[in-house]
Amino acid sequence: MDLEKARQILELDITATRREIREAYRRAARRWHPDAAPPDQQAACHQRMLEINEAYQRILAFLETYRYRLEELPETKEDYDSWWHSHFGQSMGWPNRPGRRPKKT
């Protein structure tokens, strides 16, 4: 099962915390557990519960192998002029780029 299908089965957004994943699993398990189903629907609920368990295990496996960046990013903000120069200044060479006053002659 791929990660996209697992998210769809548990009805998760593209971003979710571990708590939200656990709550989605429990919500689905309460809804589809075969013990709570009428006798004529127990086979269908059993199959659905197998899918839910597989989806939950797939997401947990993804979380266990995901690599986190364990470093705090600096909170300094780059000023507009240096950002513009680093992205466009060298290749464009515009004398009157946005954010800069034209030179007085």
PDB file of N, CA and C in Angstrom:
ATOM      1  N   MET A   1       0.853  -1.178   0.000  1.00  0.00           N
ATOM      2  CA  MET A   1       0.000   0.000   0.000  1.00  0.00           C
ATOM      3  C   MET A   1       0.898   1.240   0.000  1.00  0.00           C
ATOM      4  N   ASP A   2       0.575   2.191  -0.847  1.00  0.00           N
ATOM      5  CA  ASP A   2       1.371   3.417  -0.868  1.00  0.00           C
ATOM      6  C   ASP A   2       0.838   4.412   0.165  1.00  0.00           C
ATOM      7  N   LEU A   3       1.632   5.428   0.405  1.00  0.00           N
ATOM      8  CA  LEU A   3       1.325   6.397   1.455  1.00  0.00           C
ATOM      9  C   LEU A   3       0.056   7.195   1.146  1.00  0.00           C
ATOM     10  N   GLU A   4      -0.163   7.514  -0.113  1.00  0.00           N
ATOM     11  CA  GLU A   4      -1.352   8.283  -0.509  1.00  0.00           C
ATOM     12  C   GLU A   4      -2.629   7.498  -0.194  1.00  0.00           C
ATOM     13  N   LYS A   5      -2.638   6.229  -0.531  1.00  0.00           N
ATOM     14  CA  LYS A   5      -3.820   5.398  -0.249  1.00  0.00           C
ATOM     15  C   LYS A   5      -4.032   5.259   1.256  1.00  0.00           C
ATOM     16  N   ALA A   6      -2.939   5.120   2.005  1.00  0.00           N
ATOM     17  CA  ALA A   6      -3.050   5.027   3.471  1.00  0.00           C
ATOM     18  C   ALA A   6      -3.659   6.302   4.047  1.00  0.00           C
ATOM     19  N   ARG A   7      -3.244   7.460   3.531  1.00  0.00           N
ATOM     20  CA  ARG A   7      -3.828   8.724   3.997  1.00  0.00           C
ATOM     21  C   ARG A   7      -5.313   8.792   3.683  1.00  0.00           C
ATOM     22  N   GLN A   8      -5.705   8.319   2.504  1.00  0.00           N
ATOM     23  CA  GLN A   8      -7.108   8.357   2.111  1.00  0.00           C
ATOM     24  C   GLN A   8      -7.957   7.440   2.992  1.00  0.00           C
ATOM     25  N   ILE A   9      -7.433   6.273   3.294  1.00  0.00           N
ATOM     26  CA  ILE A   9      -8.189   5.332   4.128  1.00  0.00           C
ATOM     27  C   ILE A   9      -8.427   5.908   5.517  1.00  0.00           C
ATOM     28  N   LEU A  10      -7.396   6.557   6.072  1.00  0.00           N
ATOM     29  CA  LEU A  10      -7.544   7.138   7.417  1.00  0.00           C
ATOM     30  C   LEU A  10      -8.102   8.558   7.378  1.00  0.00           C
ATOM     31  N   GLU A  11      -8.380   9.066   6.181  1.00  0.00           N
ATOM     32  CA  GLU A  11      -8.946  10.407   5.986  1.00  0.00           C
ATOM     33  C   GLU A  11      -8.072  11.481   6.629  1.00  0.00           C
ATOM     34  N   LEU A  12      -6.773  11.445   6.290  1.00  0.00           N
ATOM     35  CA  LEU A  12      -5.807  12.413   6.820  1.00  0.00           C
ATOM     36  C   LEU A  12      -5.440  13.441   5.759  1.00  0.00           C
ATOM     37  N   ASP A  13      -5.120  14.644   6.220  1.00  0.00           N
ATOM     38  CA  ASP A  13      -4.599  15.672   5.322  1.00  0.00           C
ATOM     39  C   ASP A  13      -3.158  15.349   4.979  1.00  0.00           C
ATOM     40  N   ILE A  14      -2.563  16.177   4.135  1.00  0.00           N
ATOM     41  CA  ILE A  14      -1.180  15.971   3.729  1.00  0.00           C
ATOM     42  C   ILE A  14      -0.220  16.190   4.901  1.00  0.00           C
ATOM     43  N   THR A  15      -0.609  17.000   5.852  1.00  0.00           N
ATOM     44  CA  THR A  15       0.188  17.180   7.064  1.00  0.00           C
ATOM     45  C   THR A  15      -0.638  16.717   8.256  1.00  0.00           C
ATOM     46  N   ALA A  16       0.001  15.988   9.134  1.00  0.00           N
ATOM     47  CA  ALA A  16      -0.699  15.496  10.326  1.00  0.00           C
ATOM     48  C   ALA A  16       0.322  15.228  11.417  1.00  0.00           C
ATOM     49  N   THR A  17      -0.084  15.455  12.637  1.00  0.00           N
ATOM     50  CA  THR A  17       0.765  15.126  13.774  1.00  0.00           C
ATOM     51  C   THR A  17       0.548  13.656  14.130  1.00  0.00           C
ATOM     52  N   ARG A  18       1.419  13.145  14.984  1.00  0.00           N
ATOM     53  CA  ARG A  18       1.241  11.759  15.436  1.00  0.00           C
ATOM     54  C   ARG A  18      -0.089  11.596  16.170  1.00  0.00           C
ATOM     55  N   ARG A  19      -0.467  12.606  16.926  1.00  0.00           N
ATOM     56  CA  ARG A  19      -1.741  12.552  17.647  1.00  0.00           C
ATOM     57  C   ARG A  19      -2.909  12.482  16.672  1.00  0.00           C
ATOM     58  N   GLU A  20      -2.885  13.285  15.619  1.00  0.00           N
ATOM     59  CA  GLU A  20      -3.968  13.267  14.625  1.00  0.00           C
ATOM     60  C   GLU A  20      -4.030  11.925  13.903  1.00  0.00           C
ATOM     61  N   ILE A  21      -2.866  11.334  13.635  1.00  0.00           N
ATOM     62  CA  ILE A  21      -2.834  10.021  12.987  1.00  0.00           C
ATOM     63  C   ILE A  21      -3.457   8.973  13.896  1.00  0.00           C
ATOM     64  N   ARG A  22      -3.075   8.991  15.160  1.00  0.00           N
ATOM     65  CA  ARG A  22      -3.616   8.039  16.130  1.00  0.00           C
ATOM     66  C   ARG A  22      -5.135   8.219  16.282  1.00  0.00           C
ATOM     67  N   GLU A  23      -5.581   9.473  16.353  1.00  0.00           N
ATOM     68  CA  GLU A  23      -7.016   9.740  16.491  1.00  0.00           C
ATOM     69  C   GLU A  23      -7.790   9.288  15.252  1.00  0.00           C
ATOM     70  N   ALA A  24      -7.213   9.490  14.075  1.00  0.00           N
ATOM     71  CA  ALA A  24      -7.869   9.047  12.838  1.00  0.00           C
ATOM     72  C   ALA A  24      -7.983   7.526  12.806  1.00  0.00           C
ATOM     73  N   TYR A  25      -6.925   6.846  13.254  1.00  0.00           N
ATOM     74  CA  TYR A  25      -6.965   5.380  13.311  1.00  0.00           C
ATOM     75  C   TYR A  25      -8.047   4.907  14.284  1.00  0.00           C
ATOM     76  N   ARG A  26      -8.091   5.492  15.451  1.00  0.00           N
ATOM     77  CA  ARG A  26      -9.086   5.079  16.448  1.00  0.00           C
ATOM     78  C   ARG A  26     -10.510   5.368  15.987  1.00  0.00           C
ATOM     79  N   ARG A  27     -10.677   6.507  15.326  1.00  0.00           N
ATOM     80  CA  ARG A  27     -12.003   6.863  14.812  1.00  0.00           C
ATOM     81  C   ARG A  27     -12.458   5.841  13.759  1.00  0.00           C
ATOM     82  N   ALA A  28     -11.545   5.471  12.863  1.00  0.00           N
ATOM     83  CA  ALA A  28     -11.874   4.480  11.826  1.00  0.00           C
ATOM     84  C   ALA A  28     -12.117   3.107  12.444  1.00  0.00           C
ATOM     85  N   ALA A  29     -11.319   2.755  13.449  1.00  0.00           N
ATOM     86  CA  ALA A  29     -11.489   1.447  14.093  1.00  0.00           C
ATOM     87  C   ALA A  29     -12.833   1.352  14.813  1.00  0.00           C
ATOM     88  N   ARG A  30     -13.241   2.435  15.465  1.00  0.00           N
ATOM     89  CA  ARG A  30     -14.557   2.427  16.133  1.00  0.00           C
ATOM     90  C   ARG A  30     -15.681   2.268  15.116  1.00  0.00           C
ATOM     91  N   ARG A  31     -15.510   2.907  13.979  1.00  0.00           N
ATOM     92  CA  ARG A  31     -16.566   2.871  12.971  1.00  0.00           C
ATOM     93  C   ARG A  31     -16.653   1.512  12.277  1.00  0.00           C
ATOM     94  N   TRP A  32     -15.515   0.898  11.969  1.00  0.00           N
ATOM     95  CA  TRP A  32     -15.492  -0.290  11.130  1.00  0.00           C
ATOM     96  C   TRP A  32     -15.176  -1.594  11.869  1.00  0.00           C
ATOM     97  N   HIS A  33     -15.055  -1.589  13.175  1.00  0.00           N
ATOM     98  CA  HIS A  33     -14.684  -2.821  13.879  1.00  0.00           C
ATOM     99  C   HIS A  33     -15.784  -3.867  13.706  1.00  0.00           C
ATOM    100  N   PRO A  34     -15.405  -5.098  13.348  1.00  0.00           N
ATOM    101  CA  PRO A  34     -16.410  -6.142  13.086  1.00  0.00           C
ATOM    102  C   PRO A  34     -17.256  -6.510  14.307  1.00  0.00           C
ATOM    103  N   ASP A  35     -16.726  -6.351  15.505  1.00  0.00           N
ATOM    104  CA  ASP A  35     -17.495  -6.687  16.703  1.00  0.00           C
ATOM    105  C   ASP A  35     -18.687  -5.756  16.900  1.00  0.00           C
ATOM    106  N   ALA A  36     -18.605  -4.542  16.371  1.00  0.00           N
ATOM    107  CA  ALA A  36     -19.698  -3.582  16.523  1.00  0.00           C
ATOM    108  C   ALA A  36     -20.658  -3.605  15.342  1.00  0.00           C
ATOM    109  N   ALA A  37     -20.359  -4.431  14.332  1.00  0.00           N
ATOM    110  CA  ALA A  37     -21.181  -4.468  13.115  1.00  0.00           C
ATOM    111  C   ALA A  37     -22.321  -5.470  13.266  1.00  0.00           C
ATOM    112  N   PRO A  38     -23.398  -5.249  12.536  1.00  0.00           N
ATOM    113  CA  PRO A  38     -24.478  -6.244  12.503  1.00  0.00           C
ATOM    114  C   PRO A  38     -23.942  -7.557  11.899  1.00  0.00           C
ATOM    115  N   PRO A  39     -24.556  -8.670  12.236  1.00  0.00           N
ATOM    116  CA  PRO A  39     -24.052  -9.973  11.768  1.00  0.00           C
ATOM    117  C   PRO A  39     -23.906 -10.085  10.249  1.00  0.00           C
ATOM    118  N   ASP A  40     -24.794  -9.463   9.497  1.00  0.00           N
ATOM    119  CA  ASP A  40     -24.725  -9.580   8.035  1.00  0.00           C
ATOM    120  C   ASP A  40     -23.620  -8.707   7.417  1.00  0.00           C
ATOM    121  N   GLN A  41     -23.035  -7.784   8.174  1.00  0.00           N
ATOM    122  CA  GLN A  41     -21.995  -6.905   7.647  1.00  0.00           C
ATOM    123  C   GLN A  41     -20.620  -7.165   8.263  1.00  0.00           C
ATOM    124  N   GLN A  42     -20.497  -8.206   9.072  1.00  0.00           N
ATOM    125  CA  GLN A  42     -19.232  -8.447   9.754  1.00  0.00           C
ATOM    126  C   GLN A  42     -18.099  -8.781   8.786  1.00  0.00           C
ATOM    127  N   ALA A  43     -18.365  -9.497   7.716  1.00  0.00           N
ATOM    128  CA  ALA A  43     -17.313  -9.852   6.756  1.00  0.00           C
ATOM    129  C   ALA A  43     -16.779  -8.596   6.061  1.00  0.00           C
ATOM    130  N   ALA A  44     -17.656  -7.698   5.658  1.00  0.00           N
ATOM    131  CA  ALA A  44     -17.225  -6.454   4.996  1.00  0.00           C
ATOM    132  C   ALA A  44     -16.449  -5.568   5.969  1.00  0.00           C
ATOM    133  N   CYS A  45     -16.918  -5.500   7.204  1.00  0.00           N
ATOM    134  CA  CYS A  45     -16.226  -4.699   8.212  1.00  0.00           C
ATOM    135  C   CYS A  45     -14.865  -5.301   8.561  1.00  0.00           C
ATOM    136  N   HIS A  46     -14.786  -6.616   8.562  1.00  0.00           N
ATOM    137  CA  HIS A  46     -13.505  -7.275   8.820  1.00  0.00           C
ATOM    138  C   HIS A  46     -12.498  -6.906   7.725  1.00  0.00           C
ATOM    139  N   GLN A  47     -12.943  -6.939   6.472  1.00  0.00           N
ATOM    140  CA  GLN A  47     -12.059  -6.579   5.357  1.00  0.00           C
ATOM    141  C   GLN A  47     -11.633  -5.115   5.449  1.00  0.00           C
ATOM    142  N   ARG A  48     -12.560  -4.247   5.773  1.00  0.00           N
ATOM    143  CA  ARG A  48     -12.247  -2.820   5.912  1.00  0.00           C
ATOM    144  C   ARG A  48     -11.275  -2.592   7.075  1.00  0.00           C
ATOM    145  N   MET A  49     -11.445  -3.320   8.151  1.00  0.00           N
ATOM    146  CA  MET A  49     -10.557  -3.182   9.302  1.00  0.00           C
ATOM    147  C   MET A  49      -9.140  -3.633   8.961  1.00  0.00           C
ATOM    148  N   LEU A  50      -9.011  -4.657   8.116  1.00  0.00           N
ATOM    149  CA  LEU A  50      -7.683  -5.075   7.662  1.00  0.00           C
ATOM    150  C   LEU A  50      -6.999  -3.949   6.877  1.00  0.00           C
ATOM    151  N   GLU A  51      -7.764  -3.266   6.028  1.00  0.00           N
ATOM    152  CA  GLU A  51      -7.221  -2.137   5.270  1.00  0.00           C
ATOM    153  C   GLU A  51      -6.804  -0.998   6.205  1.00  0.00           C
ATOM    154  N   ILE A  52      -7.614  -0.726   7.192  1.00  0.00           N
ATOM    155  CA  ILE A  52      -7.312   0.347   8.149  1.00  0.00           C
ATOM    156  C   ILE A  52      -6.031   0.034   8.915  1.00  0.00           C
ATOM    157  N   ASN A  53      -5.901  -1.212   9.371  1.00  0.00           N
ATOM    158  CA  ASN A  53      -4.684  -1.606  10.086  1.00  0.00           C
ATOM    159  C   ASN A  53      -3.453  -1.505   9.198  1.00  0.00           C
ATOM    160  N   GLU A  54      -3.581  -1.941   7.947  1.00  0.00           N
ATOM    161  CA  GLU A  54      -2.455  -1.862   7.018  1.00  0.00           C
ATOM    162  C   GLU A  54      -2.074  -0.403   6.743  1.00  0.00           C
ATOM    163  N   ALA A  55      -3.060   0.466   6.593  1.00  0.00           N
ATOM    164  CA  ALA A  55      -2.792   1.887   6.360  1.00  0.00           C
ATOM    165  C   ALA A  55      -2.089   2.506   7.557  1.00  0.00           C
ATOM    166  N   TYR A  56      -2.560   2.192   8.739  1.00  0.00           N
ATOM    167  CA  TYR A  56      -1.947   2.733   9.955  1.00  0.00           C
ATOM    168  C   TYR A  56      -0.505   2.252  10.094  1.00  0.00           C
ATOM    169  N   GLN A  57      -0.266   0.979   9.850  1.00  0.00           N
ATOM    170  CA  GLN A  57       1.095   0.446   9.930  1.00  0.00           C
ATOM    171  C   GLN A  57       1.999   1.066   8.867  1.00  0.00           C
ATOM    172  N   ARG A  58       1.468   1.341   7.671  1.00  0.00           N
ATOM    173  CA  ARG A  58       2.257   1.964   6.605  1.00  0.00           C
ATOM    174  C   ARG A  58       2.666   3.376   7.001  1.00  0.00           C
ATOM    175  N   ILE A  59       1.758   4.135   7.579  1.00  0.00           N
ATOM    176  CA  ILE A  59       2.075   5.500   8.000  1.00  0.00           C
ATOM    177  C   ILE A  59       3.072   5.486   9.156  1.00  0.00           C
ATOM    178  N   LEU A  60       2.899   4.586  10.107  1.00  0.00           N
ATOM    179  CA  LEU A  60       3.856   4.489  11.214  1.00  0.00           C
ATOM    180  C   LEU A  60       5.243   4.097  10.715  1.00  0.00           C
ATOM    181  N   ALA A  61       5.316   3.203   9.741  1.00  0.00           N
ATOM    182  CA  ALA A  61       6.610   2.818   9.172  1.00  0.00           C
ATOM    183  C   ALA A  61       7.272   4.003   8.481  1.00  0.00           C
ATOM    184  N   PHE A  62       6.459   4.816   7.800  1.00  0.00           N
ATOM    185  CA  PHE A  62       7.002   6.018   7.160  1.00  0.00           C
ATOM    186  C   PHE A  62       7.560   6.980   8.203  1.00  0.00           C
ATOM    187  N   LEU A  63       6.842   7.167   9.295  1.00  0.00           N
ATOM    188  CA  LEU A  63       7.302   8.076  10.340  1.00  0.00           C
ATOM    189  C   LEU A  63       8.593   7.581  10.989  1.00  0.00           C
ATOM    190  N   GLU A  64       8.753   6.277  11.109  1.00  0.00           N
ATOM    191  CA  GLU A  64       9.956   5.724  11.727  1.00  0.00           C
ATOM    192  C   GLU A  64      11.186   5.890  10.833  1.00  0.00           C
ATOM    193  N   THR A  65      10.993   5.899   9.524  1.00  0.00           N
ATOM    194  CA  THR A  65      12.146   6.005   8.623  1.00  0.00           C
ATOM    195  C   THR A  65      12.371   7.423   8.110  1.00  0.00           C
ATOM    196  N   TYR A  66      11.468   8.359   8.441  1.00  0.00           N
ATOM    197  CA  TYR A  66      11.612   9.744   7.987  1.00  0.00           C
ATOM    198  C   TYR A  66      12.765  10.407   8.734  1.00  0.00           C
ATOM    199  N   ARG A  67      13.594  11.122   8.012  1.00  0.00           N
ATOM    200  CA  ARG A  67      14.727  11.814   8.629  1.00  0.00           C
ATOM    201  C   ARG A  67      14.347  13.269   8.901  1.00  0.00           C
ATOM    202  N   TYR A  68      14.530  13.676  10.138  1.00  0.00           N
ATOM    203  CA  TYR A  68      14.232  15.035  10.556  1.00  0.00           C
ATOM    204  C   TYR A  68      15.519  15.848  10.568  1.00  0.00           C
ATOM    205  N   ARG A  69      15.426  17.100  10.248  1.00  0.00           N
ATOM    206  CA  ARG A  69      16.569  17.998  10.337  1.00  0.00           C
ATOM    207  C   ARG A  69      16.607  18.537  11.770  1.00  0.00           C
ATOM    208  N   LEU A  70      17.617  18.144  12.522  1.00  0.00           N
ATOM    209  CA  LEU A  70      17.708  18.502  13.933  1.00  0.00           C
ATOM    210  C   LEU A  70      18.611  19.713  14.104  1.00  0.00           C
ATOM    211  N   GLU A  71      18.137  20.813  13.591  1.00  0.00           N
ATOM    212  CA  GLU A  71      18.903  22.041  13.682  1.00  0.00           C
ATOM    213  C   GLU A  71      17.925  23.201  13.671  1.00  0.00           C
ATOM    214  N   GLU A  72      18.171  24.147  14.532  1.00  0.00           N
ATOM    215  CA  GLU A  72      17.312  25.319  14.562  1.00  0.00           C
ATOM    216  C   GLU A  72      17.768  26.284  13.483  1.00  0.00           C
ATOM    217  N   LEU A  73      16.808  26.800  12.752  1.00  0.00           N
ATOM    218  CA  LEU A  73      17.127  27.748  11.698  1.00  0.00           C
ATOM    219  C   LEU A  73      17.258  29.143  12.287  1.00  0.00           C
ATOM    220  N   PRO A  74      18.181  29.924  11.766  1.00  0.00           N
ATOM    221  CA  PRO A  74      18.334  31.280  12.304  1.00  0.00           C
ATOM    222  C   PRO A  74      17.092  32.118  12.015  1.00  0.00           C
ATOM    223  N   GLU A  75      16.823  33.035  12.901  1.00  0.00           N
ATOM    224  CA  GLU A  75      15.628  33.867  12.762  1.00  0.00           C
ATOM    225  C   GLU A  75      15.935  35.209  12.115  1.00  0.00           C
ATOM    226  N   THR A  76      17.114  35.365  11.548  1.00  0.00           N
ATOM    227  CA  THR A  76      17.449  36.627  10.895  1.00  0.00           C
ATOM    228  C   THR A  76      16.720  36.721   9.568  1.00  0.00           C
ATOM    229  N   LYS A  77      16.315  37.912   9.251  1.00  0.00           N
ATOM    230  CA  LYS A  77      15.619  38.146   7.999  1.00  0.00           C
ATOM    231  C   LYS A  77      16.551  38.898   7.054  1.00  0.00           C
ATOM    232  N   GLU A  78      16.583  38.451   5.830  1.00  0.00           N
ATOM    233  CA  GLU A  78      17.413  39.081   4.825  1.00  0.00           C
ATOM    234  C   GLU A  78      16.660  40.296   4.276  1.00  0.00           C
ATOM    235  N   ASP A  79      17.362  41.392   4.103  1.00  0.00           N
ATOM    236  CA  ASP A  79      16.680  42.572   3.585  1.00  0.00           C
ATOM    237  C   ASP A  79      16.352  42.387   2.104  1.00  0.00           C
ATOM    238  N   TYR A  80      15.403  43.148   1.628  1.00  0.00           N
ATOM    239  CA  TYR A  80      14.872  43.005   0.287  1.00  0.00           C
ATOM    240  C   TYR A  80      15.945  43.207  -0.773  1.00  0.00           C
ATOM    241  N   ASP A  81      16.789  44.199  -0.604  1.00  0.00           N
ATOM    242  CA  ASP A  81      17.786  44.511  -1.616  1.00  0.00           C
ATOM    243  C   ASP A  81      18.802  43.375  -1.779  1.00  0.00           C
ATOM    244  N   SER A  82      19.280  42.803  -0.698  1.00  0.00           N
ATOM    245  CA  SER A  82      20.240  41.705  -0.812  1.00  0.00           C
ATOM    246  C   SER A  82      19.566  40.444  -1.353  1.00  0.00           C
ATOM    247  N   TRP A  83      18.287  40.222  -1.009  1.00  0.00           N
ATOM    248  CA  TRP A  83      17.571  39.087  -1.576  1.00  0.00           C
ATOM    249  C   TRP A  83      17.439  39.248  -3.084  1.00  0.00           C
ATOM    250  N   TRP A  84      17.046  40.435  -3.529  1.00  0.00           N
ATOM    251  CA  TRP A  84      16.879  40.690  -4.964  1.00  0.00           C
ATOM    252  C   TRP A  84      18.206  40.497  -5.693  1.00  0.00           C
ATOM    253  N   HIS A  85      19.263  41.016  -5.118  1.00  0.00           N
ATOM    254  CA  HIS A  85      20.568  40.904  -5.759  1.00  0.00           C
ATOM    255  C   HIS A  85      21.020  39.442  -5.842  1.00  0.00           C
ATOM    256  N   SER A  86      20.783  38.669  -4.811  1.00  0.00           N
ATOM    257  CA  SER A  86      21.212  37.269  -4.842  1.00  0.00           C
ATOM    258  C   SER A  86      20.398  36.432  -5.825  1.00  0.00           C
ATOM    259  N   HIS A  87      19.150  36.808  -6.086  1.00  0.00           N
ATOM    260  CA  HIS A  87      18.313  36.033  -7.006  1.00  0.00           C
ATOM    261  C   HIS A  87      18.335  36.551  -8.441  1.00  0.00           C
ATOM    262  N   PHE A  88      18.384  37.882  -8.606  1.00  0.00           N
ATOM    263  CA  PHE A  88      18.243  38.433  -9.948  1.00  0.00           C
ATOM    264  C   PHE A  88      19.339  39.408 -10.346  1.00  0.00           C
ATOM    265  N   GLY A  89      20.020  39.960  -9.390  1.00  0.00           N
ATOM    266  CA  GLY A  89      20.933  41.065  -9.668  1.00  0.00           C
ATOM    267  C   GLY A  89      22.078  40.743 -10.600  1.00  0.00           C
ATOM    268  N   GLN A  90      22.709  39.602 -10.448  1.00  0.00           N
ATOM    269  CA  GLN A  90      23.878  39.307 -11.242  1.00  0.00           C
ATOM    270  C   GLN A  90      23.532  38.967 -12.679  1.00  0.00           C
ATOM    271  N   SER A  91      22.450  38.272 -12.908  1.00  0.00           N
ATOM    272  CA  SER A  91      22.133  37.851 -14.264  1.00  0.00           C
ATOM    273  C   SER A  91      21.391  38.918 -15.054  1.00  0.00           C
ATOM    274  N   MET A  92      20.628  39.767 -14.406  1.00  0.00           N
ATOM    275  CA  MET A  92      19.818  40.741 -15.110  1.00  0.00           C
ATOM    276  C   MET A  92      20.549  42.065 -15.320  1.00  0.00           C
ATOM    277  N   GLY A  93      21.202  42.516 -14.298  1.00  0.00           N
ATOM    278  CA  GLY A  93      21.910  43.774 -14.404  1.00  0.00           C
ATOM    279  C   GLY A  93      21.005  44.982 -14.584  1.00  0.00           C
ATOM    280  N   TRP A  94      19.840  44.975 -13.993  1.00  0.00           N
ATOM    281  CA  TRP A  94      18.924  46.095 -14.129  1.00  0.00           C
ATOM    282  C   TRP A  94      19.407  47.261 -13.285  1.00  0.00           C
ATOM    283  N   PRO A  95      19.506  48.444 -13.869  1.00  0.00           N
ATOM    284  CA  PRO A  95      19.928  49.596 -13.082  1.00  0.00           C
ATOM    285  C   PRO A  95      18.826  50.101 -12.153  1.00  0.00           C
ATOM    286  N   ASN A  96      17.562  49.943 -12.518  1.00  0.00           N
ATOM    287  CA  ASN A  96      16.444  50.461 -11.721  1.00  0.00           C
ATOM    288  C   ASN A  96      15.520  49.323 -11.309  1.00  0.00           C
ATOM    289  N   ARG A  97      16.030  48.349 -10.602  1.00  0.00           N
ATOM    290  CA  ARG A  97      15.196  47.225 -10.185  1.00  0.00           C
ATOM    291  C   ARG A  97      14.247  47.668  -9.060  1.00  0.00           C
ATOM    292  N   PRO A  98      13.154  46.973  -8.883  1.00  0.00           N
ATOM    293  CA  PRO A  98      12.200  47.342  -7.833  1.00  0.00           C
ATOM    294  C   PRO A  98      12.859  47.389  -6.465  1.00  0.00           C
ATOM    295  N   GLY A  99      12.445  48.361  -5.669  1.00  0.00           N
ATOM    296  CA  GLY A  99      12.983  48.493  -4.330  1.00  0.00           C
ATOM    297  C   GLY A  99      14.208  49.375  -4.269  1.00  0.00           C
ATOM    298  N   ARG A 100      14.657  49.893  -5.391  1.00  0.00           N
ATOM    299  CA  ARG A 100      15.841  50.732  -5.432  1.00  0.00           C
ATOM    300  C   ARG A 100      15.495  52.032  -6.169  1.00  0.00           C
ATOM    301  N   ARG A 101      15.937  53.117  -5.627  1.00  0.00           N
ATOM    302  CA  ARG A 101      15.692  54.416  -6.265  1.00  0.00           C
ATOM    303  C   ARG A 101      16.645  54.610  -7.435  1.00  0.00           C
ATOM    304  N   PRO A 102      16.175  55.232  -8.506  1.00  0.00           N
ATOM    305  CA  PRO A 102      17.074  55.470  -9.637  1.00  0.00           C
ATOM    306  C   PRO A 102      18.206  56.435  -9.248  1.00  0.00           C
ATOM    307  N   LYS A 103      19.333  56.226  -9.900  1.00  0.00           N
ATOM    308  CA  LYS A 103      20.488  57.087  -9.628  1.00  0.00           C
ATOM    309  C   LYS A 103      20.225  58.481 -10.162  1.00  0.00           C
ATOM    310  N   LYS A 104      20.631  59.497  -9.404  1.00  0.00           N
ATOM    311  CA  LYS A 104      20.482  60.891  -9.849  1.00  0.00           C
ATOM    312  C   LYS A 104      21.716  61.249 -10.660  1.00  0.00           C
ATOM    313  N   THR A 105      21.470  61.844 -11.797  1.00  0.00           N
ATOM    314  CA  THR A 105      22.591  62.267 -12.653  1.00  0.00           C
ATOM    315  C   THR A 105      22.689  63.726 -12.785  1.00  0.00           C
TER     316      THR A 105
END
